[in-house]
Structure formats: structure tokens, C-alpha cells
PDB file of N, CA and C in Angstrom:
ATOM      1  N   MET A   1      -2.111 -17.756  -7.736  1.00  0.00           N
ATOM      2  CA  MET A   1      -1.459 -17.533  -6.470  1.00  0.00           C
ATOM      3  C   MET A   1      -0.726 -18.803  -6.057  1.00  0.00           C
ATOM      4  N   GLY A   2       0.351 -18.620  -5.383  1.00  0.00           N
ATOM      5  CA  GLY A   2       1.196 -19.746  -5.013  1.00  0.00           C
ATOM      6  C   GLY A   2       0.661 -20.512  -3.815  1.00  0.00           C
ATOM      7  N   VAL A   3       1.358 -21.588  -3.510  1.00  0.00           N
ATOM      8  CA  VAL A   3       0.968 -22.460  -2.411  1.00  0.00           C
ATOM      9  C   VAL A   3       0.984 -21.720  -1.082  1.00  0.00           C
ATOM     10  N   ILE A   4       1.943 -20.849  -0.864  1.00  0.00           N
ATOM     11  CA  ILE A   4       2.043 -20.128   0.404  1.00  0.00           C
ATOM     12  C   ILE A   4       0.796 -19.270   0.620  1.00  0.00           C
ATOM     13  N   ILE A   5       0.355 -18.572  -0.403  1.00  0.00           N
ATOM     14  CA  ILE A   5      -0.834 -17.732  -0.284  1.00  0.00           C
ATOM     15  C   ILE A   5      -2.051 -18.605   0.011  1.00  0.00           C
ATOM     16  N   GLN A   6      -2.161 -19.740  -0.658  1.00  0.00           N
ATOM     17  CA  GLN A   6      -3.289 -20.634  -0.405  1.00  0.00           C
ATOM     18  C   GLN A   6      -3.257 -21.166   1.021  1.00  0.00           C
ATOM     19  N   ASP A   7      -2.061 -21.467   1.537  1.00  0.00           N
ATOM     20  CA  ASP A   7      -1.936 -21.931   2.923  1.00  0.00           C
ATOM     21  C   ASP A   7      -2.402 -20.854   3.893  1.00  0.00           C
ATOM     22  N   LEU A   8      -2.010 -19.607   3.637  1.00  0.00           N
ATOM     23  CA  LEU A   8      -2.434 -18.516   4.504  1.00  0.00           C
ATOM     24  C   LEU A   8      -3.945 -18.319   4.434  1.00  0.00           C
ATOM     25  N   GLN A   9      -4.500 -18.401   3.235  1.00  0.00           N
ATOM     26  CA  GLN A   9      -5.948 -18.237   3.077  1.00  0.00           C
ATOM     27  C   GLN A   9      -6.698 -19.330   3.826  1.00  0.00           C
ATOM     28  N   SER A  10      -6.166 -20.544   3.823  1.00  0.00           N
ATOM     29  CA  SER A  10      -6.838 -21.643   4.521  1.00  0.00           C
ATOM     30  C   SER A  10      -6.833 -21.427   6.038  1.00  0.00           C
ATOM     31  N   LYS A  11      -5.911 -20.611   6.532  1.00  0.00           N
ATOM     32  CA  LYS A  11      -5.857 -20.286   7.960  1.00  0.00           C
ATOM     33  C   LYS A  11      -6.738 -19.083   8.304  1.00  0.00           C
ATOM     34  N   GLY A  12      -7.340 -18.477   7.305  1.00  0.00           N
ATOM     35  CA  GLY A  12      -8.235 -17.353   7.551  1.00  0.00           C
ATOM     36  C   GLY A  12      -7.619 -15.990   7.287  1.00  0.00           C
ATOM     37  N   ILE A  13      -6.443 -15.970   6.670  1.00  0.00           N
ATOM     38  CA  ILE A  13      -5.801 -14.699   6.323  1.00  0.00           C
ATOM     39  C   ILE A  13      -6.531 -14.098   5.123  1.00  0.00           C
ATOM     40  N   VAL A  14      -6.769 -12.793   5.180  1.00  0.00           N
ATOM     41  CA  VAL A  14      -7.343 -12.086   4.029  1.00  0.00           C
ATOM     42  C   VAL A  14      -6.263 -11.190   3.437  1.00  0.00           C
ATOM     43  N   PHE A  15      -6.391 -10.892   2.170  1.00  0.00           N
ATOM     44  CA  PHE A  15      -5.392 -10.084   1.485  1.00  0.00           C
ATOM     45  C   PHE A  15      -5.982  -8.740   1.114  1.00  0.00           C
ATOM     46  N   LEU A  16      -5.310  -7.691   1.526  1.00  0.00           N
ATOM     47  CA  LEU A  16      -5.762  -6.332   1.284  1.00  0.00           C
ATOM     48  C   LEU A  16      -4.830  -5.666   0.290  1.00  0.00           C
ATOM     49  N   LYS A  17      -5.387  -4.913  -0.614  1.00  0.00           N
ATOM     50  CA  LYS A  17      -4.594  -4.217  -1.626  1.00  0.00           C
ATOM     51  C   LYS A  17      -3.790  -3.090  -0.991  1.00  0.00           C
ATOM     52  N   VAL A  18      -2.555  -2.927  -1.456  1.00  0.00           N
ATOM     53  CA  VAL A  18      -1.729  -1.788  -1.055  1.00  0.00           C
ATOM     54  C   VAL A  18      -1.889  -0.716  -2.132  1.00  0.00           C
ATOM     55  N   TYR A  19      -2.270   0.479  -1.723  1.00  0.00           N
ATOM     56  CA  TYR A  19      -2.500   1.581  -2.650  1.00  0.00           C
ATOM     57  C   TYR A  19      -1.313   2.526  -2.628  1.00  0.00           C
ATOM     58  N   GLU A  20      -0.878   2.947  -3.787  1.00  0.00           N
ATOM     59  CA  GLU A  20       0.210   3.919  -3.890  1.00  0.00           C
ATOM     60  C   GLU A  20      -0.355   5.282  -4.262  1.00  0.00           C
ATOM     61  N   TYR A  21       0.053   6.281  -3.509  1.00  0.00           N
ATOM     62  CA  TYR A  21      -0.345   7.660  -3.784  1.00  0.00           C
ATOM     63  C   TYR A  21       0.916   8.465  -4.027  1.00  0.00           C
ATOM     64  N   LYS A  22       1.144   8.830  -5.266  1.00  0.00           N
ATOM     65  CA  LYS A  22       2.349   9.576  -5.619  1.00  0.00           C
ATOM     66  C   LYS A  22       2.115  11.073  -5.432  1.00  0.00           C
ATOM     67  N   HIS A  23       3.140  11.741  -4.946  1.00  0.00           N
ATOM     68  CA  HIS A  23       3.094  13.189  -4.758  1.00  0.00           C
ATOM     69  C   HIS A  23       4.067  13.826  -5.743  1.00  0.00           C
ATOM     70  N   TYR A  24       3.594  14.829  -6.453  1.00  0.00           N
ATOM     71  CA  TYR A  24       4.368  15.460  -7.513  1.00  0.00           C
ATOM     72  C   TYR A  24       4.684  16.915  -7.182  1.00  0.00           C
ATOM     73  N   GLU A  25       5.757  17.389  -7.753  1.00  0.00           N
ATOM     74  CA  GLU A  25       6.081  18.810  -7.742  1.00  0.00           C
ATOM     75  C   GLU A  25       6.413  19.223  -9.159  1.00  0.00           C
ATOM     76  N   ASP A  26       6.209  20.498  -9.442  1.00  0.00           N
ATOM     77  CA  ASP A  26       6.578  21.017 -10.756  1.00  0.00           C
ATOM     78  C   ASP A  26       8.072  21.295 -10.803  1.00  0.00           C
ATOM     79  N   ASP A  27       8.677  20.933 -11.921  1.00  0.00           N
ATOM     80  CA  ASP A  27      10.099  21.194 -12.129  1.00  0.00           C
ATOM     81  C   ASP A  27      10.222  22.037 -13.405  1.00  0.00           C
ATOM     82  N   PHE A  28      10.673  23.260 -13.262  1.00  0.00           N
ATOM     83  CA  PHE A  28      10.813  24.166 -14.407  1.00  0.00           C
ATOM     84  C   PHE A  28      12.271  24.201 -14.851  1.00  0.00           C
ATOM     85  N   SER A  29      12.474  24.135 -16.141  1.00  0.00           N
ATOM     86  CA  SER A  29      13.830  24.281 -16.673  1.00  0.00           C
ATOM     87  C   SER A  29      13.772  25.131 -17.950  1.00  0.00           C
ATOM     88  N   TYR A  30      14.829  25.873 -18.161  1.00  0.00           N
ATOM     89  CA  TYR A  30      14.898  26.763 -19.324  1.00  0.00           C
ATOM     90  C   TYR A  30      15.693  26.074 -20.423  1.00  0.00           C
ATOM     91  N   ASN A  31      15.109  26.016 -21.623  1.00  0.00           N
ATOM     92  CA  ASN A  31      15.779  25.421 -22.770  1.00  0.00           C
ATOM     93  C   ASN A  31      16.409  26.534 -23.576  1.00  0.00           C
ATOM     94  N   GLU A  32      17.740  26.595 -23.563  1.00  0.00           N
ATOM     95  CA  GLU A  32      18.450  27.670 -24.272  1.00  0.00           C
ATOM     96  C   GLU A  32      18.281  27.581 -25.777  1.00  0.00           C
ATOM     97  N   ASN A  33      18.085  26.369 -26.298  1.00  0.00           N
ATOM     98  CA  ASN A  33      17.935  26.208 -27.752  1.00  0.00           C
ATOM     99  C   ASN A  33      16.622  26.788 -28.256  1.00  0.00           C
ATOM    100  N   THR A  34      15.556  26.627 -27.496  1.00  0.00           N
ATOM    101  CA  THR A  34      14.251  27.124 -27.944  1.00  0.00           C
ATOM    102  C   THR A  34      13.890  28.467 -27.334  1.00  0.00           C
ATOM    103  N   GLY A  35      14.524  28.816 -26.219  1.00  0.00           N
ATOM    104  CA  GLY A  35      14.199  30.048 -25.532  1.00  0.00           C
ATOM    105  C   GLY A  35      12.916  29.969 -24.713  1.00  0.00           C
ATOM    106  N   PHE A  36      12.431  28.750 -24.460  1.00  0.00           N
ATOM    107  CA  PHE A  36      11.201  28.556 -23.693  1.00  0.00           C
ATOM    108  C   PHE A  36      11.483  27.834 -22.374  1.00  0.00           C
ATOM    109  N   TRP A  37      10.607  28.107 -21.440  1.00  0.00           N
ATOM    110  CA  TRP A  37      10.645  27.370 -20.180  1.00  0.00           C
ATOM    111  C   TRP A  37       9.870  26.069 -20.363  1.00  0.00           C
ATOM    112  N   LYS A  38      10.369  25.009 -19.780  1.00  0.00           N
ATOM    113  CA  LYS A  38       9.698  23.716 -19.856  1.00  0.00           C
ATOM    114  C   LYS A  38       9.267  23.319 -18.447  1.00  0.00           C
ATOM    115  N   ASN A  39       8.051  22.824 -18.349  1.00  0.00           N
ATOM    116  CA  ASN A  39       7.516  22.401 -17.060  1.00  0.00           C
ATOM    117  C   ASN A  39       7.258  20.895 -17.110  1.00  0.00           C
ATOM    118  N   LYS A  40       7.753  20.175 -16.111  1.00  0.00           N
ATOM    119  CA  LYS A  40       7.424  18.756 -16.004  1.00  0.00           C
ATOM    120  C   LYS A  40       7.178  18.429 -14.541  1.00  0.00           C
ATOM    121  N   LYS A  41       6.365  17.426 -14.315  1.00  0.00           N
ATOM    122  CA  LYS A  41       6.077  16.992 -12.952  1.00  0.00           C
ATOM    123  C   LYS A  41       7.047  15.879 -12.579  1.00  0.00           C
ATOM    124  N   ILE A  42       7.580  15.965 -11.359  1.00  0.00           N
ATOM    125  CA  ILE A  42       8.463  14.922 -10.867  1.00  0.00           C
ATOM    126  C   ILE A  42       7.875  14.335  -9.581  1.00  0.00           C
ATOM    127  N   VAL A  43       8.093  13.048  -9.380  1.00  0.00           N
ATOM    128  CA  VAL A  43       7.613  12.385  -8.167  1.00  0.00           C
ATOM    129  C   VAL A  43       8.561  12.740  -7.034  1.00  0.00           C
ATOM    130  N   VAL A  44       8.026  13.286  -5.963  1.00  0.00           N
ATOM    131  CA  VAL A  44       8.858  13.648  -4.816  1.00  0.00           C
ATOM    132  C   VAL A  44       8.715  12.651  -3.670  1.00  0.00           C
ATOM    133  N   SER A  45       7.590  11.938  -3.623  1.00  0.00           N
ATOM    134  CA  SER A  45       7.417  10.906  -2.609  1.00  0.00           C
ATOM    135  C   SER A  45       6.231  10.025  -2.986  1.00  0.00           C
ATOM    136  N   THR A  46       6.170   8.874  -2.349  1.00  0.00           N
ATOM    137  CA  THR A  46       5.067   7.944  -2.571  1.00  0.00           C
ATOM    138  C   THR A  46       4.581   7.435  -1.227  1.00  0.00           C
ATOM    139  N   ASP A  47       3.286   7.516  -0.997  1.00  0.00           N
ATOM    140  CA  ASP A  47       2.684   6.920   0.188  1.00  0.00           C
ATOM    141  C   ASP A  47       2.122   5.562  -0.203  1.00  0.00           C
ATOM    142  N   GLU A  48       2.369   4.562   0.628  1.00  0.00           N
ATOM    143  CA  GLU A  48       1.759   3.254   0.434  1.00  0.00           C
ATOM    144  C   GLU A  48       0.780   3.053   1.582  1.00  0.00           C
ATOM    145  N   ASP A  49      -0.488   2.893   1.238  1.00  0.00           N
ATOM    146  CA  ASP A  49      -1.537   2.812   2.237  1.00  0.00           C
ATOM    147  C   ASP A  49      -2.394   1.574   2.043  1.00  0.00           C
ATOM    148  N   VAL A  50      -3.063   1.181   3.113  1.00  0.00           N
ATOM    149  CA  VAL A  50      -4.057   0.119   3.066  1.00  0.00           C
ATOM    150  C   VAL A  50      -5.328   0.641   3.737  1.00  0.00           C
ATOM    151  N   TYR A  51      -6.433  -0.001   3.440  1.00  0.00           N
ATOM    152  CA  TYR A  51      -7.678   0.323   4.125  1.00  0.00           C
ATOM    153  C   TYR A  51      -7.872  -0.733   5.208  1.00  0.00           C
ATOM    154  N   CYS A  52      -7.634  -0.336   6.438  1.00  0.00           N
ATOM    155  CA  CYS A  52      -7.544  -1.246   7.577  1.00  0.00           C
ATOM    156  C   CYS A  52      -8.921  -1.723   8.035  1.00  0.00           C
ATOM    157  N   PRO A  53      -9.152  -3.040   8.109  1.00  0.00           N
ATOM    158  CA  PRO A  53     -10.439  -3.537   8.583  1.00  0.00           C
ATOM    159  C   PRO A  53     -10.601  -3.370  10.096  1.00  0.00           C
ATOM    160  N   LYS A  54      -9.496  -3.126  10.789  1.00  0.00           N
ATOM    161  CA  LYS A  54      -9.519  -2.981  12.238  1.00  0.00           C
ATOM    162  C   LYS A  54      -9.942  -1.572  12.659  1.00  0.00           C
ATOM    163  N   GLN A  55      -9.647  -0.581  11.825  1.00  0.00           N
ATOM    164  CA  GLN A  55      -9.964   0.813  12.138  1.00  0.00           C
ATOM    165  C   GLN A  55     -10.999   1.328  11.143  1.00  0.00           C
ATOM    166  N   THR A  56     -11.968   2.057  11.662  1.00  0.00           N
ATOM    167  CA  THR A  56     -12.988   2.610  10.773  1.00  0.00           C
ATOM    168  C   THR A  56     -13.075   4.121  10.935  1.00  0.00           C
ATOM    169  N   GLU A  57     -13.561   4.733   9.862  1.00  0.00           N
ATOM    170  CA  GLU A  57     -13.756   6.179   9.837  1.00  0.00           C
ATOM    171  C   GLU A  57     -14.995   6.435   8.993  1.00  0.00           C
ATOM    172  N   ASN A  58     -15.993   7.063   9.576  1.00  0.00           N
ATOM    173  CA  ASN A  58     -17.269   7.310   8.892  1.00  0.00           C
ATOM    174  C   ASN A  58     -17.900   6.013   8.387  1.00  0.00           C
ATOM    175  N   GLY A  59     -17.770   4.946   9.157  1.00  0.00           N
ATOM    176  CA  GLY A  59     -18.382   3.672   8.810  1.00  0.00           C
ATOM    177  C   GLY A  59     -17.642   2.861   7.768  1.00  0.00           C
ATOM    178  N   LYS A  60     -16.462   3.316   7.350  1.00  0.00           N
ATOM    179  CA  LYS A  60     -15.674   2.596   6.337  1.00  0.00           C
ATOM    180  C   LYS A  60     -14.296   2.288   6.906  1.00  0.00           C
ATOM    181  N   ASN A  61     -13.624   1.339   6.274  1.00  0.00           N
ATOM    182  CA  ASN A  61     -12.279   1.021   6.705  1.00  0.00           C
ATOM    183  C   ASN A  61     -11.390   2.253   6.568  1.00  0.00           C
ATOM    184  N   LYS A  62     -10.595   2.527   7.596  1.00  0.00           N
ATOM    185  CA  LYS A  62      -9.755   3.727   7.613  1.00  0.00           C
ATOM    186  C   LYS A  62      -8.484   3.506   6.794  1.00  0.00           C
ATOM    187  N   ARG A  63      -8.107   4.511   6.037  1.00  0.00           N
ATOM    188  CA  ARG A  63      -6.858   4.477   5.268  1.00  0.00           C
ATOM    189  C   ARG A  63      -5.697   4.775   6.212  1.00  0.00           C
ATOM    190  N   ILE A  64      -4.760   3.833   6.316  1.00  0.00           N
ATOM    191  CA  ILE A  64      -3.577   4.023   7.159  1.00  0.00           C
ATOM    192  C   ILE A  64      -2.328   3.756   6.344  1.00  0.00           C
ATOM    193  N   GLY A  65      -1.215   4.264   6.808  1.00  0.00           N
ATOM    194  CA  GLY A  65       0.056   4.045   6.127  1.00  0.00           C
ATOM    195  C   GLY A  65       0.530   2.612   6.284  1.00  0.00           C
ATOM    196  N   LEU A  66       1.185   2.095   5.259  1.00  0.00           N
ATOM    197  CA  LEU A  66       1.729   0.746   5.292  1.00  0.00           C
ATOM    198  C   LEU A  66       2.700   0.579   6.454  1.00  0.00           C
ATOM    199  N   PHE A  67       3.481   1.617   6.745  1.00  0.00           N
ATOM    200  CA  PHE A  67       4.445   1.568   7.844  1.00  0.00           C
ATOM    201  C   PHE A  67       3.722   1.341   9.177  1.00  0.00           C
ATOM    202  N   GLU A  68       2.615   2.044   9.374  1.00  0.00           N
ATOM    203  CA  GLU A  68       1.820   1.872  10.597  1.00  0.00           C
ATOM    204  C   GLU A  68       1.275   0.458  10.691  1.00  0.00           C
ATOM    205  N   CYS A  69       0.799  -0.065   9.577  1.00  0.00           N
ATOM    206  CA  CYS A  69       0.259  -1.427   9.528  1.00  0.00           C
ATOM    207  C   CYS A  69       1.345  -2.445   9.900  1.00  0.00           C
ATOM    208  N   GLN A  70       2.510  -2.311   9.310  1.00  0.00           N
ATOM    209  CA  GLN A  70       3.591  -3.265   9.528  1.00  0.00           C
ATOM    210  C   GLN A  70       4.126  -3.230  10.948  1.00  0.00           C
ATOM    211  N   ASN A  71       4.223  -2.064  11.526  1.00  0.00           N
ATOM    212  CA  ASN A  71       4.938  -1.931  12.781  1.00  0.00           C
ATOM    213  C   ASN A  71       4.064  -1.869  14.021  1.00  0.00           C
ATOM    214  N   GLN A  72       2.757  -1.687  13.845  1.00  0.00           N
ATOM    215  CA  GLN A  72       1.926  -1.499  15.022  1.00  0.00           C
ATOM    216  C   GLN A  72       0.777  -2.487  15.153  1.00  0.00           C
ATOM    217  N   CYS A  73       0.551  -3.316  14.169  1.00  0.00           N
ATOM    218  CA  CYS A  73      -0.639  -4.164  14.214  1.00  0.00           C
ATOM    219  C   CYS A  73      -0.295  -5.630  14.473  1.00  0.00           C
ATOM    220  N   GLU A  74      -0.985  -6.202  15.441  1.00  0.00           N
ATOM    221  CA  GLU A  74      -0.763  -7.617  15.767  1.00  0.00           C
ATOM    222  C   GLU A  74      -1.312  -8.560  14.705  1.00  0.00           C
ATOM    223  N   TYR A  75      -2.133  -8.042  13.780  1.00  0.00           N
ATOM    224  CA  TYR A  75      -2.717  -8.878  12.736  1.00  0.00           C
ATOM    225  C   TYR A  75      -1.941  -8.837  11.423  1.00  0.00           C
ATOM    226  N   TYR A  76      -0.816  -8.163  11.401  1.00  0.00           N
ATOM    227  CA  TYR A  76      -0.008  -8.055  10.181  1.00  0.00           C
ATOM    228  C   TYR A  76       0.768  -9.356   9.953  1.00  0.00           C
ATOM    229  N   PHE A  77       0.642  -9.919   8.759  1.00  0.00           N
ATOM    230  CA  PHE A  77       1.328 -11.163   8.420  1.00  0.00           C
ATOM    231  C   PHE A  77       2.331 -11.006   7.285  1.00  0.00           C
ATOM    232  N   GLY A  78       2.583  -9.804   6.823  1.00  0.00           N
ATOM    233  CA  GLY A  78       3.573  -9.618   5.770  1.00  0.00           C
ATOM    234  C   GLY A  78       2.962  -9.094   4.481  1.00  0.00           C
ATOM    235  N   VAL A  79       3.853  -8.705   3.567  1.00  0.00           N
ATOM    236  CA  VAL A  79       3.455  -8.216   2.252  1.00  0.00           C
ATOM    237  C   VAL A  79       3.779  -9.291   1.228  1.00  0.00           C
ATOM    238  N   LEU A  80       2.832  -9.598   0.395  1.00  0.00           N
ATOM    239  CA  LEU A  80       3.032 -10.586  -0.660  1.00  0.00           C
ATOM    240  C   LEU A  80       2.652  -9.965  -1.994  1.00  0.00           C
ATOM    241  N   GLU A  81       3.163 -10.546  -3.071  1.00  0.00           N
ATOM    242  CA  GLU A  81       2.755 -10.104  -4.407  1.00  0.00           C
ATOM    243  C   GLU A  81       1.992 -11.231  -5.071  1.00  0.00           C
ATOM    244  N   ASP A  82       0.881 -10.891  -5.707  1.00  0.00           N
ATOM    245  CA  ASP A  82       0.124 -11.903  -6.428  1.00  0.00           C
ATOM    246  C   ASP A  82       0.692 -12.068  -7.829  1.00  0.00           C
ATOM    247  N   VAL A  83       0.037 -12.870  -8.636  1.00  0.00           N
ATOM    248  CA  VAL A  83       0.541 -13.155  -9.978  1.00  0.00           C
ATOM    249  C   VAL A  83       0.598 -11.911 -10.857  1.00  0.00           C
ATOM    250  N   ASN A  84      -0.169 -10.894 -10.525  1.00  0.00           N
ATOM    251  CA  ASN A  84      -0.146  -9.649 -11.293  1.00  0.00           C
ATOM    252  C   ASN A  84       0.869  -8.651 -10.742  1.00  0.00           C
ATOM    253  N   PHE A  85       1.698  -9.098  -9.802  1.00  0.00           N
ATOM    254  CA  PHE A  85       2.735  -8.274  -9.175  1.00  0.00           C
ATOM    255  C   PHE A  85       2.177  -7.050  -8.474  1.00  0.00           C
ATOM    256  N   SER A  86       0.969  -7.181  -7.954  1.00  0.00           N
ATOM    257  CA  SER A  86       0.433  -6.080  -7.164  1.00  0.00           C
ATOM    258  C   SER A  86       0.594  -6.446  -5.688  1.00  0.00           C
ATOM    259  N   PRO A  87       1.244  -5.591  -4.902  1.00  0.00           N
ATOM    260  CA  PRO A  87       1.475  -5.929  -3.502  1.00  0.00           C
ATOM    261  C   PRO A  87       0.183  -6.018  -2.709  1.00  0.00           C
ATOM    262  N   LYS A  88       0.153  -6.964  -1.801  1.00  0.00           N
ATOM    263  CA  LYS A  88      -0.998  -7.177  -0.937  1.00  0.00           C
ATOM    264  C   LYS A  88      -0.492  -7.341   0.499  1.00  0.00           C
ATOM    265  N   ILE A  89      -1.314  -6.919   1.446  1.00  0.00           N
ATOM    266  CA  ILE A  89      -1.052  -7.142   2.862  1.00  0.00           C
ATOM    267  C   ILE A  89      -1.789  -8.411   3.270  1.00  0.00           C
ATOM    268  N   ALA A  90      -1.084  -9.300   3.942  1.00  0.00           N
ATOM    269  CA  ALA A  90      -1.724 -10.477   4.527  1.00  0.00           C
ATOM    270  C   ALA A  90      -2.201 -10.083   5.920  1.00  0.00           C
ATOM    271  N   CYS A  91      -3.513 -10.047   6.100  1.00  0.00           N
ATOM    272  CA  CYS A  91      -4.103  -9.529   7.340  1.00  0.00           C
ATOM    273  C   CYS A  91      -4.911 -10.621   8.036  1.00  0.00           C
ATOM    274  N   GLY A  92      -4.649 -10.818   9.330  1.00  0.00           N
ATOM    275  CA  GLY A  92      -5.362 -11.834  10.092  1.00  0.00           C
ATOM    276  C   GLY A  92      -6.496 -11.295  10.934  1.00  0.00           C
ATOM    277  N   PHE A  93      -6.865 -10.036  10.708  1.00  0.00           N
ATOM    278  CA  PHE A  93      -7.883  -9.418  11.558  1.00  0.00           C
ATOM    279  C   PHE A  93      -9.233 -10.124  11.476  1.00  0.00           C
ATOM    280  N   LYS A  94      -9.610 -10.557  10.294  1.00  0.00           N
ATOM    281  CA  LYS A  94     -10.940 -11.126  10.093  1.00  0.00           C
ATOM    282  C   LYS A  94     -11.209 -12.282  11.074  1.00  0.00           C
ATOM    283  N   ASN A  95     -10.239 -13.154  11.270  1.00  0.00           N
ATOM    284  CA  ASN A  95     -10.412 -14.296  12.171  1.00  0.00           C
ATOM    285  C   ASN A  95      -9.622 -14.145  13.462  1.00  0.00           C
ATOM    286  N   LYS A  96      -9.203 -12.909  13.765  1.00  0.00           N
ATOM    287  CA  LYS A  96      -8.487 -12.593  15.009  1.00  0.00           C
ATOM    288  C   LYS A  96      -7.219 -13.439  15.184  1.00  0.00           C
ATOM    289  N   LEU A  97      -6.502 -13.675  14.073  1.00  0.00           N
ATOM    290  CA  LEU A  97      -5.244 -14.413  14.138  1.00  0.00           C
ATOM    291  C   LEU A  97      -4.130 -13.439  14.462  1.00  0.00           C
ATOM    292  N   THR A  98      -3.281 -13.783  15.400  1.00  0.00           N
ATOM    293  CA  THR A  98      -2.188 -12.873  15.761  1.00  0.00           C
ATOM    294  C   THR A  98      -0.864 -13.413  15.253  1.00  0.00           C
ATOM    295  N   ASN A  99      -0.025 -12.494  14.836  1.00  0.00           N
ATOM    296  CA  ASN A  99       1.267 -12.829  14.253  1.00  0.00           C
ATOM    297  C   ASN A  99       2.402 -12.518  15.216  1.00  0.00           C
ATOM    298  N   LYS A 100       2.117 -11.826  16.303  1.00  0.00           N
ATOM    299  CA  LYS A 100       3.195 -11.376  17.189  1.00  0.00           C
ATOM    300  C   LYS A 100       3.088 -12.038  18.548  1.00  0.00           C
TER     301      LYS A 100
END
């Protein structure tokens, strides 16, 4: 992780994984050469969610949309990518740090 991430961690920022949930639909096409129908799944949308430490559901962190996290939470510090290129949310909730 880079210096910026280490600086944020030293201030008490925690990093939460961003989860992608892809939604698929079936796409049917007819192949005239073979005379058969072909079925393939296509991605129609993707939800990006985090498990929010500020909100709970059944005693666990509640799954919320990334858009909700970015636009409505005072503890949101931005999205960063780690060395494995997996997006993470920089969250200040643990130490009650506010970004707004």
C-alpha cells in the first residue's frame, strides 16, 4: 500500500472492501448455420456495495450501495485501490472522523 493509505490508516481510517454484484439476463440468438438457438448470459447491471459499520441489520454490518455511502455518509473518505487493484472504501466511522 502506498504512503497515502498509510497516512490515512495512521489517522484511524479503516478500509472496507467494495463488493460487486453482477446482474445477468439471458440472451437468445438463432444460428442460421447450425439451425440451433444459442443462449448466453449478458451483464445488464452491476451493484457496488459495502458492508457499513455505521448501520447494522440482524447484528451485522448492513449492506448498502456505494452511491449511498459516497453521498450520504459523513465518514466517507473516498475510494482507493490497493496493490491488488481491488477497490476499497476509506471509512472514518471507527474513530468518528468526519470528512464533511
